[in-house]
N, C-alpha and C. Protein backbone atom coordinates (compact mmCIF):
# COMPACT_ATOMS: atom_id res chain seq x y z
N UNK A 1 39.51 -118.48 3.77
CA UNK A 1 39.32 -119.90 3.99
C UNK A 1 37.82 -120.20 3.93
N UNK A 2 37.46 -121.30 3.29
CA UNK A 2 36.04 -121.65 3.19
C UNK A 2 35.63 -122.60 4.30
N UNK A 3 34.34 -122.71 4.51
CA UNK A 3 33.72 -123.58 5.49
C UNK A 3 34.02 -123.18 6.94
N UNK A 4 34.25 -121.91 7.14
CA UNK A 4 34.36 -121.40 8.50
C UNK A 4 33.01 -120.76 8.84
N UNK A 5 32.82 -120.41 10.09
CA UNK A 5 31.58 -119.77 10.50
C UNK A 5 31.38 -118.45 9.76
N UNK A 6 32.47 -117.70 9.60
CA UNK A 6 32.40 -116.42 8.89
C UNK A 6 32.04 -116.63 7.42
N UNK A 7 32.60 -117.67 6.80
CA UNK A 7 32.30 -117.95 5.39
C UNK A 7 30.84 -118.34 5.23
N UNK A 8 30.34 -119.24 6.08
CA UNK A 8 28.94 -119.66 5.99
C UNK A 8 27.99 -118.48 6.16
N UNK A 9 28.31 -117.60 7.09
CA UNK A 9 27.47 -116.42 7.31
C UNK A 9 27.46 -115.53 6.08
N UNK A 10 28.62 -115.23 5.53
CA UNK A 10 28.71 -114.37 4.34
C UNK A 10 28.03 -115.02 3.14
N UNK A 11 28.26 -116.32 2.95
CA UNK A 11 27.65 -117.03 1.82
C UNK A 11 26.13 -117.07 1.95
N UNK A 12 25.64 -117.29 3.16
CA UNK A 12 24.19 -117.33 3.38
C UNK A 12 23.55 -115.97 3.14
N UNK A 13 24.20 -114.91 3.60
CA UNK A 13 23.67 -113.56 3.35
C UNK A 13 23.60 -113.29 1.86
N UNK A 14 24.65 -113.64 1.12
CA UNK A 14 24.64 -113.44 -0.33
C UNK A 14 23.53 -114.26 -0.99
N UNK A 15 23.36 -115.50 -0.55
CA UNK A 15 22.35 -116.38 -1.15
C UNK A 15 20.94 -115.84 -0.89
N UNK A 16 20.67 -115.38 0.32
CA UNK A 16 19.35 -114.84 0.65
C UNK A 16 19.06 -113.59 -0.19
N UNK A 17 20.06 -112.74 -0.35
CA UNK A 17 19.87 -111.55 -1.20
C UNK A 17 19.60 -111.95 -2.64
N UNK A 18 20.30 -112.96 -3.12
CA UNK A 18 20.10 -113.42 -4.50
C UNK A 18 18.71 -114.00 -4.68
N UNK A 19 18.24 -114.78 -3.70
CA UNK A 19 16.89 -115.36 -3.77
C UNK A 19 15.85 -114.23 -3.85
N UNK A 20 15.99 -113.22 -3.01
CA UNK A 20 15.04 -112.10 -3.01
C UNK A 20 15.08 -111.35 -4.34
N UNK A 21 16.26 -111.11 -4.87
CA UNK A 21 16.38 -110.40 -6.14
C UNK A 21 15.76 -111.20 -7.28
N UNK A 22 15.98 -112.50 -7.29
CA UNK A 22 15.40 -113.33 -8.36
C UNK A 22 13.88 -113.34 -8.27
N UNK A 23 13.35 -113.46 -7.06
CA UNK A 23 11.90 -113.48 -6.89
C UNK A 23 11.28 -112.16 -7.33
N UNK A 24 11.85 -111.06 -6.91
CA UNK A 24 11.33 -109.75 -7.27
C UNK A 24 11.42 -109.53 -8.78
N UNK A 25 12.45 -110.06 -9.39
CA UNK A 25 12.61 -109.91 -10.84
C UNK A 25 11.59 -110.70 -11.65
N UNK A 26 11.08 -111.80 -11.09
CA UNK A 26 10.13 -112.64 -11.83
C UNK A 26 8.68 -112.22 -11.64
N UNK A 27 8.35 -111.60 -10.54
CA UNK A 27 6.96 -111.25 -10.24
C UNK A 27 6.33 -110.32 -11.29
N UNK A 28 7.03 -109.29 -11.78
CA UNK A 28 6.39 -108.40 -12.76
C UNK A 28 6.07 -109.05 -14.10
N UNK A 29 6.46 -110.28 -14.31
CA UNK A 29 6.16 -110.95 -15.57
C UNK A 29 4.66 -111.21 -15.73
N UNK A 30 3.92 -111.22 -14.63
CA UNK A 30 2.47 -111.43 -14.68
C UNK A 30 1.76 -110.08 -14.70
N UNK A 31 0.55 -110.08 -15.26
CA UNK A 31 -0.22 -108.84 -15.36
C UNK A 31 -0.74 -108.42 -13.99
N UNK A 32 -1.25 -109.36 -13.20
CA UNK A 32 -1.73 -109.06 -11.85
C UNK A 32 -1.09 -110.03 -10.87
N UNK A 33 -1.13 -109.69 -9.60
CA UNK A 33 -0.53 -110.54 -8.57
C UNK A 33 -1.22 -111.89 -8.51
N UNK A 34 -2.49 -111.96 -8.87
CA UNK A 34 -3.22 -113.22 -8.86
C UNK A 34 -2.75 -114.17 -9.97
N UNK A 35 -2.13 -113.61 -11.00
CA UNK A 35 -1.66 -114.43 -12.12
C UNK A 35 -0.21 -114.88 -11.99
N UNK A 36 0.41 -114.51 -10.90
CA UNK A 36 1.81 -114.91 -10.70
C UNK A 36 1.87 -116.42 -10.49
N UNK A 37 2.75 -117.08 -11.22
CA UNK A 37 2.98 -118.51 -11.04
C UNK A 37 4.00 -118.66 -9.91
N UNK A 38 3.50 -118.79 -8.69
CA UNK A 38 4.36 -118.77 -7.52
C UNK A 38 5.33 -119.95 -7.48
N UNK A 39 4.92 -121.10 -8.01
CA UNK A 39 5.85 -122.24 -8.04
C UNK A 39 7.07 -121.92 -8.88
N UNK A 40 6.85 -121.27 -10.02
CA UNK A 40 7.97 -120.89 -10.88
C UNK A 40 8.85 -119.85 -10.21
N UNK A 41 8.22 -118.85 -9.59
CA UNK A 41 8.98 -117.80 -8.91
C UNK A 41 9.85 -118.41 -7.81
N UNK A 42 9.25 -119.24 -6.97
CA UNK A 42 9.98 -119.84 -5.86
C UNK A 42 11.07 -120.79 -6.37
N UNK A 43 10.75 -121.59 -7.37
CA UNK A 43 11.74 -122.51 -7.93
C UNK A 43 12.94 -121.79 -8.52
N UNK A 44 12.67 -120.76 -9.30
CA UNK A 44 13.77 -119.99 -9.89
C UNK A 44 14.58 -119.26 -8.83
N UNK A 45 13.90 -118.72 -7.83
CA UNK A 45 14.60 -118.00 -6.75
C UNK A 45 15.50 -118.95 -5.96
N UNK A 46 15.00 -120.14 -5.65
CA UNK A 46 15.82 -121.10 -4.92
C UNK A 46 17.00 -121.59 -5.75
N UNK A 47 16.79 -121.77 -7.04
CA UNK A 47 17.89 -122.15 -7.93
C UNK A 47 18.96 -121.05 -7.96
N UNK A 48 18.53 -119.81 -7.98
CA UNK A 48 19.47 -118.69 -7.94
C UNK A 48 20.25 -118.68 -6.63
N UNK A 49 19.58 -119.00 -5.53
CA UNK A 49 20.25 -119.08 -4.23
C UNK A 49 21.28 -120.20 -4.19
N UNK A 50 20.93 -121.34 -4.76
CA UNK A 50 21.88 -122.46 -4.83
C UNK A 50 23.08 -122.08 -5.69
N UNK A 51 22.82 -121.43 -6.79
CA UNK A 51 23.92 -120.97 -7.66
C UNK A 51 24.82 -120.00 -6.92
N UNK A 52 24.23 -119.14 -6.11
CA UNK A 52 25.01 -118.19 -5.32
C UNK A 52 25.92 -118.92 -4.33
N UNK A 53 25.37 -119.93 -3.66
CA UNK A 53 26.19 -120.69 -2.71
C UNK A 53 27.33 -121.41 -3.42
N UNK A 54 27.04 -121.99 -4.58
CA UNK A 54 28.09 -122.68 -5.33
C UNK A 54 29.16 -121.70 -5.82
N UNK A 55 28.74 -120.52 -6.22
CA UNK A 55 29.70 -119.50 -6.64
C UNK A 55 30.56 -119.06 -5.47
N UNK A 56 29.99 -119.05 -4.27
CA UNK A 56 30.73 -118.64 -3.09
C UNK A 56 31.87 -119.61 -2.76
N UNK A 57 31.79 -120.83 -3.28
CA UNK A 57 32.87 -121.79 -3.05
C UNK A 57 34.19 -121.29 -3.67
N UNK A 58 34.08 -120.46 -4.70
CA UNK A 58 35.27 -119.91 -5.35
C UNK A 58 35.92 -118.84 -4.47
N UNK A 59 35.19 -118.36 -3.48
CA UNK A 59 35.75 -117.37 -2.58
C UNK A 59 34.82 -116.18 -2.42
N UNK A 60 34.93 -115.55 -1.28
CA UNK A 60 34.13 -114.38 -0.96
C UNK A 60 35.07 -113.25 -0.58
N UNK A 61 34.90 -112.08 -1.17
CA UNK A 61 35.78 -110.96 -0.83
C UNK A 61 35.63 -110.52 0.63
N UNK A 62 34.48 -110.81 1.24
CA UNK A 62 34.26 -110.41 2.63
C UNK A 62 35.06 -111.27 3.61
N UNK A 63 35.48 -112.45 3.16
CA UNK A 63 36.16 -113.40 4.03
C UNK A 63 37.60 -113.57 3.54
N UNK A 64 38.53 -113.38 4.44
CA UNK A 64 39.94 -113.53 4.07
C UNK A 64 40.35 -114.98 4.06
């Protein structure tokens, strides 16, 4: 069932992991850490997190 406390917790955990993975995946695109376009990294990571939450609406295997 969606929109329960258990569902929100599982969906949020998945979204946070997705945000971190997206951010880590974009950082090596720059030659040095000073050249990282942080606005792009953060924007893409947040979009990935939103996509994860929307995908979770279809159901989560962790939640019955």
